[in-house]
Amino acid sequence: MSMFSSFMHPGKQYDAQREQLEKYYGQAQAALQPYQQQGQDSYAPLSGAMGQLLDPQKLQEQWGQGYEQSPYATDLMNTAQEQGLGAASSMGLMGSSTALRGIEGKAGQIASADKQQYMDNLMQKYLAGAGIAQNIYGTGAQAAGAASGQSMQMGDAMGVNAANRAGAGGRLFGSMLGTAAGLAGTALGGPLGGMAAKSMFG
């Protein structure tokens, strides 16, 4: 391509630069998008969990509806009942009432501890799930911030590229005029200078 042809298309280098900018910008956005989407998806369950934790009594009532006595607690209660009945039998009629109250109290303690353990286990799992959702949301928020920053940088870069492309013709023309004028003013300004200037435009 002659210099005159380059002069006729001074914006081509900026078009190529823009293509590279768009290519790598698209790759960066594509890499961040899954994390951003996962963060958005986790926001609703995380927000719901926060709302439930702010009303612990209601949450406890909901969980309590699904409680079933564990086999371990049932075995403990059966053992306590057998031991209590044996003690009542050995006490005779006068001591049986006290022994039966002891059996009832022991059974209540076992049942209460079992239900508390059930609630504690649920809470640990609930908080672990909320923590995972929070981590995913945080990663998504960071990805969204990075994507936003890249968009702003891309906008700046494309603005500079467009400005440079728009002024490319004028800068090249001015440069060539200056070169031609310089040649004309040197010792080569005779026939050689004329030939050099002609080669630049021809």
Protein backbone atom coordinates (compact mmCIF):
# COMPACT_ATOMS: atom_id res chain seq x y z
CA MET A 1 0.00 0.00 0.00
CA SER A 2 1.45 3.34 -1.04
CA MET A 3 1.70 6.24 1.37
CA PHE A 4 -1.07 7.96 -0.55
CA SER A 5 -3.30 4.93 -0.02
CA SER A 6 -2.49 5.01 3.70
CA PHE A 7 -3.41 8.65 3.72
CA MET A 8 -6.75 7.85 2.12
CA HIS A 9 -7.57 5.38 4.91
CA PRO A 10 -5.95 6.78 8.09
CA GLY A 11 -8.59 5.28 10.38
CA LYS A 12 -7.85 1.62 9.62
CA GLN A 13 -5.37 1.24 12.45
CA TYR A 14 -7.97 2.58 14.91
CA ASP A 15 -10.59 0.20 13.52
CA ALA A 16 -8.21 -2.69 14.21
CA GLN A 17 -7.56 -1.36 17.71
CA ARG A 18 -11.30 -1.11 18.36
CA GLU A 19 -11.81 -4.71 17.26
CA GLN A 20 -9.17 -5.88 19.73
CA LEU A 21 -10.72 -3.81 22.52
CA GLU A 22 -14.16 -5.28 21.82
CA LYS A 23 -12.77 -8.82 21.62
CA TYR A 24 -11.02 -8.80 24.99
CA TYR A 25 -13.78 -6.79 26.65
CA GLY A 26 -16.28 -9.44 25.54
CA GLN A 27 -14.08 -12.23 26.90
CA ALA A 28 -13.73 -10.48 30.27
CA GLN A 29 -17.47 -9.87 30.53
CA ALA A 30 -18.22 -13.49 29.62
CA ALA A 31 -15.88 -14.72 32.36
CA LEU A 32 -17.55 -12.54 35.01
CA GLN A 33 -21.17 -13.09 33.95
CA PRO A 34 -21.74 -16.55 35.59
CA TYR A 35 -20.55 -15.26 38.98
CA GLN A 36 -22.67 -12.15 38.65
CA GLN A 37 -25.73 -14.26 37.77
CA GLN A 38 -25.17 -16.64 40.69
CA GLY A 39 -24.91 -13.66 43.01
CA GLN A 40 -28.21 -12.30 41.74
CA ASP A 41 -29.86 -15.72 42.12
CA SER A 42 -28.68 -16.04 45.72
CA TYR A 43 -30.05 -12.64 46.77
CA ALA A 44 -33.69 -13.76 47.12
CA PRO A 45 -33.02 -16.78 49.40
CA LEU A 46 -30.47 -14.79 51.41
CA SER A 47 -32.95 -11.96 51.90
CA GLY A 48 -35.62 -14.48 52.93
CA ALA A 49 -33.29 -16.09 55.46
CA MET A 50 -32.48 -12.72 57.00
CA GLY A 51 -36.18 -11.97 57.37
CA GLN A 52 -36.83 -15.31 59.07
CA LEU A 53 -33.94 -14.87 61.48
CA LEU A 54 -35.42 -11.54 62.55
CA ASP A 55 -38.51 -13.44 63.75
CA PRO A 56 -37.00 -16.42 65.64
CA GLN A 57 -40.23 -17.37 67.43
CA LYS A 58 -42.07 -17.90 64.16
CA LEU A 59 -39.12 -19.82 62.77
CA GLN A 60 -39.04 -22.05 65.86
CA GLU A 61 -42.76 -22.75 65.53
CA GLN A 62 -42.33 -23.77 61.90
CA TRP A 63 -39.47 -26.11 62.70
CA GLY A 64 -41.30 -27.52 65.72
CA GLN A 65 -44.09 -28.79 63.47
CA GLY A 66 -41.65 -31.16 61.81
CA TYR A 67 -40.17 -32.52 65.02
CA GLU A 68 -40.28 -36.26 65.65
CA GLN A 69 -38.75 -37.91 68.67
CA SER A 70 -35.47 -39.58 67.82
CA PRO A 71 -34.96 -43.34 68.29
CA TYR A 72 -32.17 -42.56 70.76
CA ALA A 73 -34.49 -40.50 72.94
CA THR A 74 -37.14 -43.22 72.77
CA ASP A 75 -34.63 -45.81 73.98
CA LEU A 76 -33.57 -43.54 76.85
CA MET A 77 -37.15 -43.00 77.92
CA ASN A 78 -37.91 -46.74 77.83
CA THR A 79 -34.83 -47.46 79.91
CA ALA A 80 -35.72 -44.73 82.41
CA GLN A 81 -39.27 -46.06 82.67
CA GLU A 82 -38.11 -49.61 83.32
CA GLN A 83 -35.68 -48.45 85.99
CA GLY A 84 -38.33 -46.23 87.56
CA LEU A 85 -40.92 -48.98 87.66
CA GLY A 86 -38.42 -51.31 89.22
CA ALA A 87 -37.67 -48.73 91.90
CA ALA A 88 -41.37 -48.16 92.51
CA SER A 89 -41.95 -51.86 92.89
CA SER A 90 -39.21 -52.16 95.47
CA MET A 91 -40.57 -49.17 97.43
CA GLY A 92 -43.97 -50.64 97.87
CA LEU A 93 -47.25 -48.78 97.88
CA MET A 94 -46.03 -45.78 99.89
CA GLY A 95 -43.09 -45.00 97.59
CA SER A 96 -44.68 -45.72 94.25
CA SER A 97 -46.13 -42.22 93.74
CA THR A 98 -42.73 -40.60 94.25
CA ALA A 99 -41.12 -43.06 91.84
CA LEU A 100 -43.77 -42.45 89.20
CA ARG A 101 -43.26 -38.69 89.43
CA GLY A 102 -39.54 -39.33 89.01
CA ILE A 103 -40.24 -41.37 85.86
CA GLU A 104 -42.41 -38.58 84.47
CA GLY A 105 -39.79 -35.94 85.23
CA LYS A 106 -37.01 -37.98 83.64
CA ALA A 107 -39.09 -38.58 80.50
CA GLY A 108 -39.80 -34.86 80.22
CA GLN A 109 -36.10 -34.02 80.48
CA ILE A 110 -35.22 -36.53 77.79
CA ALA A 111 -37.95 -35.25 75.46
CA SER A 112 -36.96 -31.61 76.02
CA ALA A 113 -33.27 -32.30 75.40
CA ASP A 114 -34.09 -34.27 72.26
CA LYS A 115 -36.23 -31.49 70.82
CA GLN A 116 -33.57 -28.88 71.66
CA GLN A 117 -30.95 -30.98 69.89
CA TYR A 118 -33.25 -31.18 66.87
CA MET A 119 -33.62 -27.38 66.84
CA ASP A 120 -29.89 -26.80 67.29
CA ASN A 121 -29.07 -29.12 64.37
CA LEU A 122 -31.56 -27.35 62.14
CA MET A 123 -30.17 -23.94 63.09
CA GLN A 124 -26.59 -25.02 62.33
CA LYS A 125 -27.62 -26.26 58.89
CA TYR A 126 -29.73 -23.16 58.27
CA LEU A 127 -26.90 -20.80 59.16
CA ALA A 128 -24.45 -22.82 57.07
CA GLY A 129 -26.77 -22.51 54.08
CA ALA A 130 -27.22 -18.78 54.68
CA GLY A 131 -23.43 -18.42 54.91
CA ILE A 132 -22.98 -20.16 51.56
CA ALA A 133 -25.62 -17.90 49.99
CA GLN A 134 -23.88 -14.87 51.48
CA ASN A 135 -20.52 -15.93 50.04
CA ILE A 136 -22.03 -16.51 46.60
CA TYR A 137 -23.79 -13.15 46.74
CA GLY A 138 -20.55 -11.43 47.79
CA THR A 139 -18.66 -13.03 44.90
CA GLY A 140 -21.43 -11.98 42.54
CA ALA A 141 -21.35 -8.42 43.84
CA GLN A 142 -17.58 -8.28 43.30
CA ALA A 143 -18.02 -9.65 39.78
CA ALA A 144 -20.71 -7.06 39.07
CA GLY A 145 -18.41 -4.31 40.36
CA ALA A 146 -15.56 -5.54 38.19
CA ALA A 147 -17.86 -5.74 35.15
CA SER A 148 -19.08 -2.20 35.81
CA GLY A 149 -15.51 -0.93 36.12
CA GLN A 150 -14.56 -2.65 32.90
CA SER A 151 -17.55 -1.08 31.15
CA MET A 152 -16.42 2.38 32.24
CA GLN A 153 -12.84 1.68 31.13
CA MET A 154 -14.13 0.32 27.83
CA GLY A 155 -16.19 3.47 27.35
CA ASP A 156 -13.14 5.64 27.97
CA ALA A 157 -10.99 3.57 25.62
CA MET A 158 -13.61 3.60 22.86
CA GLY A 159 -14.03 7.35 23.25
CA VAL A 160 -10.29 7.89 22.83
CA ASN A 161 -10.27 5.50 19.89
CA ALA A 162 -13.15 7.34 18.19
CA ALA A 163 -11.50 10.72 18.74
CA ASN A 164 -8.19 9.48 17.40
CA ARG A 165 -9.88 7.93 14.38
CA ALA A 166 -11.77 11.13 13.63
CA GLY A 167 -8.58 13.19 13.73
CA ALA A 168 -6.33 10.70 11.95
CA GLY A 169 -6.80 12.19 8.50
CA GLY A 170 -6.03 15.73 9.60
CA ARG A 171 -2.96 14.69 11.58
CA LEU A 172 -1.58 12.66 8.69
CA PHE A 173 -2.24 15.41 6.19
CA GLY A 174 -0.55 17.98 8.43
CA SER A 175 2.42 15.69 8.94
CA MET A 176 2.84 15.13 5.21
CA LEU A 177 2.56 18.84 4.43
CA GLY A 178 5.21 19.55 7.03
CA THR A 179 7.49 16.90 5.56
CA ALA A 180 6.99 18.19 2.03
CA ALA A 181 7.67 21.74 3.14
CA GLY A 182 10.80 20.63 4.93
CA LEU A 183 12.09 18.89 1.85
CA ALA A 184 11.44 21.93 -0.27
CA GLY A 185 13.44 24.09 2.13
CA THR A 186 16.57 21.90 2.27
CA ALA A 187 19.49 21.58 -0.04
CA LEU A 188 17.53 18.78 -1.72
CA GLY A 189 14.85 21.24 -2.68
CA GLY A 190 15.77 21.00 -6.31
CA PRO A 191 14.85 18.09 -8.48
CA LEU A 192 15.45 15.51 -5.71
CA GLY A 193 13.13 17.29 -3.31
CA GLY A 194 10.43 17.45 -5.92
CA MET A 195 10.78 13.74 -6.61
CA ALA A 196 10.57 12.90 -2.89
CA ALA A 197 7.44 14.96 -2.43
CA LYS A 198 5.90 13.41 -5.51
CA SER A 199 6.62 9.88 -4.22
CA MET A 200 4.87 10.66 -0.94
CA PHE A 201 1.65 11.69 -2.69
CA GLY A 202 1.86 9.53 -5.78
